Amino acid sequence: GISYDLHAGKTLAIVGESGSGKSVHALS
């Protein structure tokens, strides 16, 4: 259930310990 908006010229950091789903969400 992750939701967010990314705007042009901005950086959104996704943080959390290993296994939190960060890379899986990116590959999705």
PDB file of all heavy atoms in Angstrom:
ATOM      1  N   GLY A   1       0.774  -1.236   0.000  1.00  0.00           N
ATOM      2  CA  GLY A   1       0.000   0.000   0.000  1.00  0.00           C
ATOM      3  C   GLY A   1       0.803   1.282   0.000  1.00  0.00           C
ATOM      4  O   GLY A   1       0.368   2.278   0.564  1.00  0.00           O
ATOM      5  N   ILE A   2       1.950   1.293  -0.676  1.00  0.00           N
ATOM      6  CA  ILE A   2       2.777   2.503  -0.711  1.00  0.00           C
ATOM      7  C   ILE A   2       2.210   3.504  -1.720  1.00  0.00           C
ATOM      8  O   ILE A   2       1.764   3.134  -2.805  1.00  0.00           O
ATOM      9  CB  ILE A   2       4.247   2.163  -1.044  1.00  0.00           C
ATOM     10  CG1 ILE A   2       5.123   3.421  -0.997  1.00  0.00           C
ATOM     11  CG2 ILE A   2       4.384   1.454  -2.371  1.00  0.00           C
ATOM     12  CD1 ILE A   2       6.599   3.149  -1.139  1.00  0.00           C
ATOM     13  N   SER A   3       2.224   4.793  -1.350  1.00  0.00           N
ATOM     14  CA  SER A   3       1.746   5.877  -2.216  1.00  0.00           C
ATOM     15  C   SER A   3       2.655   7.089  -2.066  1.00  0.00           C
ATOM     16  O   SER A   3       3.056   7.423  -0.945  1.00  0.00           O
ATOM     17  CB  SER A   3       0.313   6.287  -1.860  1.00  0.00           C
ATOM     18  OG  SER A   3      -0.587   5.221  -1.995  1.00  0.00           O
ATOM     19  N   TYR A   4       2.968   7.736  -3.175  1.00  0.00           N
ATOM     20  CA  TYR A   4       3.709   9.001  -3.124  1.00  0.00           C
ATOM     21  C   TYR A   4       3.672   9.670  -4.490  1.00  0.00           C
ATOM     22  O   TYR A   4       3.346   9.038  -5.497  1.00  0.00           O
ATOM     23  CB  TYR A   4       5.168   8.794  -2.681  1.00  0.00           C
ATOM     24  CG  TYR A   4       6.012   7.953  -3.618  1.00  0.00           C
ATOM     25  CD1 TYR A   4       6.547   8.480  -4.789  1.00  0.00           C
ATOM     26  CD2 TYR A   4       6.295   6.623  -3.319  1.00  0.00           C
ATOM     27  CE1 TYR A   4       7.312   7.712  -5.645  1.00  0.00           C
ATOM     28  CE2 TYR A   4       7.060   5.846  -4.169  1.00  0.00           C
ATOM     29  CZ  TYR A   4       7.574   6.393  -5.322  1.00  0.00           C
ATOM     30  OH  TYR A   4       8.336   5.635  -6.176  1.00  0.00           O
ATOM     31  N   ASP A   5       4.015  10.971  -4.507  1.00  0.00           N
ATOM     32  CA  ASP A   5       4.168  11.744  -5.738  1.00  0.00           C
ATOM     33  C   ASP A   5       5.598  12.242  -5.826  1.00  0.00           C
ATOM     34  O   ASP A   5       6.162  12.721  -4.838  1.00  0.00           O
ATOM     35  CB  ASP A   5       3.218  12.937  -5.764  1.00  0.00           C
ATOM     36  CG  ASP A   5       1.761  12.538  -5.922  1.00  0.00           C
ATOM     37  OD1 ASP A   5       1.511  11.447  -6.477  1.00  0.00           O
ATOM     38  OD2 ASP A   5       0.881  13.301  -5.476  1.00  0.00           O
ATOM     39  N   LEU A   6       6.184  12.146  -7.025  1.00  0.00           N
ATOM     40  CA  LEU A   6       7.521  12.678  -7.292  1.00  0.00           C
ATOM     41  C   LEU A   6       7.398  13.795  -8.309  1.00  0.00           C
ATOM     42  O   LEU A   6       6.780  13.623  -9.366  1.00  0.00           O
ATOM     43  CB  LEU A   6       8.433  11.574  -7.837  1.00  0.00           C
ATOM     44  CG  LEU A   6       9.823  12.020  -8.297  1.00  0.00           C
ATOM     45  CD1 LEU A   6      10.688  12.424  -7.107  1.00  0.00           C
ATOM     46  CD2 LEU A   6      10.505  10.907  -9.094  1.00  0.00           C
ATOM     47  N   HIS A   7       7.987  14.961  -8.006  1.00  0.00           N
ATOM     48  CA  HIS A   7       7.918  16.109  -8.904  1.00  0.00           C
ATOM     49  C   HIS A   7       9.248  16.327  -9.616  1.00  0.00           C
ATOM     50  O   HIS A   7      10.313  15.920  -9.131  1.00  0.00           O
ATOM     51  CB  HIS A   7       7.526  17.363  -8.126  1.00  0.00           C
ATOM     52  CG  HIS A   7       6.121  17.315  -7.612  1.00  0.00           C
ATOM     53  ND1 HIS A   7       5.795  16.769  -6.391  1.00  0.00           N
ATOM     54  CD2 HIS A   7       4.948  17.735  -8.161  1.00  0.00           C
ATOM     55  CE1 HIS A   7       4.491  16.851  -6.210  1.00  0.00           C
ATOM     56  NE2 HIS A   7       3.950  17.440  -7.264  1.00  0.00           N
ATOM     57  N   ALA A   8       9.179  16.951 -10.768  1.00  0.00           N
ATOM     58  CA  ALA A   8      10.371  17.223 -11.580  1.00  0.00           C
ATOM     59  C   ALA A   8      11.371  18.054 -10.786  1.00  0.00           C
ATOM     60  O   ALA A   8      10.999  19.014 -10.100  1.00  0.00           O
ATOM     61  CB  ALA A   8       9.977  17.947 -12.868  1.00  0.00           C
ATOM     62  N   GLY A   9      12.632  17.670 -10.869  1.00  0.00           N
ATOM     63  CA  GLY A   9      13.692  18.413 -10.195  1.00  0.00           C
ATOM     64  C   GLY A   9      13.801  18.142  -8.711  1.00  0.00           C
ATOM     65  O   GLY A   9      14.627  18.755  -8.032  1.00  0.00           O
ATOM     66  N   LYS A  10      12.994  17.220  -8.168  1.00  0.00           N
ATOM     67  CA  LYS A  10      13.005  16.918  -6.741  1.00  0.00           C
ATOM     68  C   LYS A  10      13.530  15.503  -6.496  1.00  0.00           C
ATOM     69  O   LYS A  10      13.501  14.643  -7.373  1.00  0.00           O
ATOM     70  CB  LYS A  10      11.599  17.044  -6.147  1.00  0.00           C
ATOM     71  CG  LYS A  10      11.000  18.439  -6.272  1.00  0.00           C
ATOM     72  CD  LYS A  10      11.776  19.457  -5.450  1.00  0.00           C
ATOM     73  CE  LYS A  10      11.133  20.829  -5.514  1.00  0.00           C
ATOM     74  NZ  LYS A  10      11.882  21.837  -4.719  1.00  0.00           N
ATOM     75  N   THR A  11      13.995  15.274  -5.260  1.00  0.00           N
ATOM     76  CA  THR A  11      14.481  13.959  -4.858  1.00  0.00           C
ATOM     77  C   THR A  11      13.639  13.431  -3.710  1.00  0.00           C
ATOM     78  O   THR A  11      13.496  14.097  -2.675  1.00  0.00           O
ATOM     79  CB  THR A  11      15.953  14.019  -4.419  1.00  0.00           C
ATOM     80  OG1 THR A  11      16.758  14.432  -5.530  1.00  0.00           O
ATOM     81  CG2 THR A  11      16.442  12.657  -3.946  1.00  0.00           C
ATOM     82  N   LEU A  12      13.056  12.259  -3.909  1.00  0.00           N
ATOM     83  CA  LEU A  12      12.311  11.571  -2.869  1.00  0.00           C
ATOM     84  C   LEU A  12      13.143  10.392  -2.390  1.00  0.00           C
ATOM     85  O   LEU A  12      13.509   9.529  -3.183  1.00  0.00           O
ATOM     86  CB  LEU A  12      10.967  11.080  -3.397  1.00  0.00           C
ATOM     87  CG  LEU A  12      10.190  10.160  -2.456  1.00  0.00           C
ATOM     88  CD1 LEU A  12       9.588  10.958  -1.305  1.00  0.00           C
ATOM     89  CD2 LEU A  12       9.090   9.407  -3.206  1.00  0.00           C
ATOM     90  N   ALA A  13      13.452  10.352  -1.100  1.00  0.00           N
ATOM     91  CA  ALA A  13      14.212   9.240  -0.537  1.00  0.00           C
ATOM     92  C   ALA A  13      13.255   8.211   0.047  1.00  0.00           C
ATOM     93  O   ALA A  13      12.328   8.559   0.774  1.00  0.00           O
ATOM     94  CB  ALA A  13      15.167   9.747   0.537  1.00  0.00           C
ATOM     95  N   ILE A  14      13.493   6.950  -0.284  1.00  0.00           N
ATOM     96  CA  ILE A  14      12.761   5.833   0.326  1.00  0.00           C
ATOM     97  C   ILE A  14      13.726   5.152   1.280  1.00  0.00           C
ATOM     98  O   ILE A  14      14.753   4.614   0.847  1.00  0.00           O
ATOM     99  CB  ILE A  14      12.270   4.824  -0.733  1.00  0.00           C
ATOM    100  CG1 ILE A  14      11.546   5.527  -1.886  1.00  0.00           C
ATOM    101  CG2 ILE A  14      11.403   3.756  -0.101  1.00  0.00           C
ATOM    102  CD1 ILE A  14      10.188   6.047  -1.567  1.00  0.00           C
ATOM    103  N   VAL A  15      13.430   5.180   2.579  1.00  0.00           N
ATOM    104  CA  VAL A  15      14.357   4.640   3.575  1.00  0.00           C
ATOM    105  C   VAL A  15      13.707   3.524   4.368  1.00  0.00           C
ATOM    106  O   VAL A  15      12.477   3.421   4.447  1.00  0.00           O
ATOM    107  CB  VAL A  15      14.875   5.746   4.522  1.00  0.00           C
ATOM    108  CG1 VAL A  15      15.540   6.865   3.744  1.00  0.00           C
ATOM    109  CG2 VAL A  15      13.760   6.305   5.390  1.00  0.00           C
ATOM    110  N   GLY A  16      14.549   2.728   4.996  1.00  0.00           N
ATOM    111  CA  GLY A  16      14.088   1.611   5.808  1.00  0.00           C
ATOM    112  C   GLY A  16      15.153   0.534   5.832  1.00  0.00           C
ATOM    113  O   GLY A  16      16.047   0.508   4.992  1.00  0.00           O
ATOM    114  N   GLU A  17      15.047  -0.371   6.799  1.00  0.00           N
ATOM    115  CA  GLU A  17      16.051  -1.423   6.911  1.00  0.00           C
ATOM    116  C   GLU A  17      15.886  -2.445   5.794  1.00  0.00           C
ATOM    117  O   GLU A  17      14.904  -2.430   5.049  1.00  0.00           O
ATOM    118  CB  GLU A  17      15.970  -2.082   8.283  1.00  0.00           C
ATOM    119  CG  GLU A  17      14.639  -2.714   8.611  1.00  0.00           C
ATOM    120  CD  GLU A  17      14.520  -3.029  10.095  1.00  0.00           C
ATOM    121  OE1 GLU A  17      15.121  -4.026  10.535  1.00  0.00           O
ATOM    122  OE2 GLU A  17      13.829  -2.281  10.815  1.00  0.00           O
ATOM    123  N   SER A  18      16.854  -3.333   5.663  1.00  0.00           N
ATOM    124  CA  SER A  18      16.807  -4.358   4.621  1.00  0.00           C
ATOM    125  C   SER A  18      15.537  -5.190   4.762  1.00  0.00           C
ATOM    126  O   SER A  18      15.134  -5.558   5.869  1.00  0.00           O
ATOM    127  CB  SER A  18      18.033  -5.273   4.729  1.00  0.00           C
ATOM    128  OG  SER A  18      19.211  -4.531   4.505  1.00  0.00           O
ATOM    129  N   GLY A  19      14.910  -5.488   3.620  1.00  0.00           N
ATOM    130  CA  GLY A  19      13.688  -6.282   3.628  1.00  0.00           C
ATOM    131  C   GLY A  19      12.422  -5.475   3.793  1.00  0.00           C
ATOM    132  O   GLY A  19      11.329  -6.046   3.922  1.00  0.00           O
ATOM    133  N   SER A  20      12.519  -4.147   3.749  1.00  0.00           N
ATOM    134  CA  SER A  20      11.321  -3.321   3.944  1.00  0.00           C
ATOM    135  C   SER A  20      10.517  -3.113   2.670  1.00  0.00           C
ATOM    136  O   SER A  20       9.444  -2.521   2.706  1.00  0.00           O
ATOM    137  CB  SER A  20      11.711  -1.965   4.547  1.00  0.00           C
ATOM    138  OG  SER A  20      12.593  -1.275   3.696  1.00  0.00           O
ATOM    139  N   GLY A  21      11.046  -3.558   1.528  1.00  0.00           N
ATOM    140  CA  GLY A  21      10.292  -3.449   0.271  1.00  0.00           C
ATOM    141  C   GLY A  21      10.746  -2.332  -0.639  1.00  0.00           C
ATOM    142  O   GLY A  21      10.115  -2.073  -1.668  1.00  0.00           O
ATOM    143  N   LYS A  22      11.863  -1.686  -0.306  1.00  0.00           N
ATOM    144  CA  LYS A  22      12.310  -0.521  -1.087  1.00  0.00           C
ATOM    145  C   LYS A  22      12.649  -0.912  -2.526  1.00  0.00           C
ATOM    146  O   LYS A  22      12.169  -0.298  -3.483  1.00  0.00           O
ATOM    147  CB  LYS A  22      13.556   0.109  -0.423  1.00  0.00           C
ATOM    148  CG  LYS A  22      13.376   0.493   1.021  1.00  0.00           C
ATOM    149  CD  LYS A  22      14.578   1.217   1.590  1.00  0.00           C
ATOM    150  CE  LYS A  22      15.875   0.424   1.556  1.00  0.00           C
ATOM    151  NZ  LYS A  22      15.836  -0.777   2.410  1.00  0.00           N
ATOM    152  N   SER A  23      13.500  -1.909  -2.695  1.00  0.00           N
ATOM    153  CA  SER A  23      13.937  -2.297  -4.041  1.00  0.00           C
ATOM    154  C   SER A  23      12.821  -2.982  -4.824  1.00  0.00           C
ATOM    155  O   SER A  23      12.707  -2.801  -6.046  1.00  0.00           O
ATOM    156  CB  SER A  23      15.168  -3.217  -3.959  1.00  0.00           C
ATOM    157  OG  SER A  23      16.265  -2.533  -3.398  1.00  0.00           O
ATOM    158  N   VAL A  24      11.988  -3.764  -4.140  1.00  0.00           N
ATOM    159  CA  VAL A  24      10.868  -4.430  -4.822  1.00  0.00           C
ATOM    160  C   VAL A  24       9.919  -3.396  -5.418  1.00  0.00           C
ATOM    161  O   VAL A  24       9.450  -3.540  -6.552  1.00  0.00           O
ATOM    162  CB  VAL A  24      10.121  -5.367  -3.853  1.00  0.00           C
ATOM    163  CG1 VAL A  24       8.823  -5.879  -4.483  1.00  0.00           C
ATOM    164  CG2 VAL A  24      11.003  -6.542  -3.469  1.00  0.00           C
ATOM    165  N   HIS A  25       9.665  -2.328  -4.674  1.00  0.00           N
ATOM    166  CA  HIS A  25       8.781  -1.285  -5.199  1.00  0.00           C
ATOM    167  C   HIS A  25       9.397  -0.635  -6.436  1.00  0.00           C
ATOM    168  O   HIS A  25       8.709  -0.344  -7.418  1.00  0.00           O
ATOM    169  CB  HIS A  25       8.489  -0.253  -4.099  1.00  0.00           C
ATOM    170  CG  HIS A  25       8.886   1.141  -4.419  1.00  0.00           C
ATOM    171  ND1 HIS A  25      10.147   1.620  -4.146  1.00  0.00           N
ATOM    172  CD2 HIS A  25       8.213   2.167  -5.013  1.00  0.00           C
ATOM    173  CE1 HIS A  25      10.231   2.871  -4.554  1.00  0.00           C
ATOM    174  NE2 HIS A  25       9.085   3.234  -5.081  1.00  0.00           N
ATOM    175  N   ALA A  26      10.739  -0.428  -6.423  1.00  0.00           N
ATOM    176  CA  ALA A  26      11.401   0.198  -7.572  1.00  0.00           C
ATOM    177  C   ALA A  26      11.349  -0.704  -8.798  1.00  0.00           C
ATOM    178  O   ALA A  26      11.087  -0.243  -9.911  1.00  0.00           O
ATOM    179  CB  ALA A  26      12.851   0.518  -7.212  1.00  0.00           C
ATOM    180  N   LEU A  27      11.596  -1.987  -8.611  1.00  0.00           N
ATOM    181  CA  LEU A  27      11.540  -2.932  -9.730  1.00  0.00           C
ATOM    182  C   LEU A  27      10.121  -3.059 -10.275  1.00  0.00           C
ATOM    183  O   LEU A  27       9.926  -3.323 -11.465  1.00  0.00           O
ATOM    184  CB  LEU A  27      12.067  -4.299  -9.284  1.00  0.00           C
ATOM    185  CG  LEU A  27      13.559  -4.335  -8.926  1.00  0.00           C
ATOM    186  CD1 LEU A  27      13.925  -5.685  -8.314  1.00  0.00           C
ATOM    187  CD2 LEU A  27      14.427  -4.062 -10.152  1.00  0.00           C
ATOM    188  N   SER A  28       9.136  -2.831  -9.413  1.00  0.00           N
ATOM    189  CA  SER A  28       7.737  -2.858  -9.867  1.00  0.00           C
ATOM    190  C   SER A  28       7.435  -1.685 -10.792  1.00  0.00           C
ATOM    191  O   SER A  28       6.677  -1.827 -11.753  1.00  0.00           O
ATOM    192  CB  SER A  28       6.790  -2.811  -8.663  1.00  0.00           C
ATOM    193  OG  SER A  28       7.011  -3.901  -7.801  1.00  0.00           O
TER     194      SER A  28
END
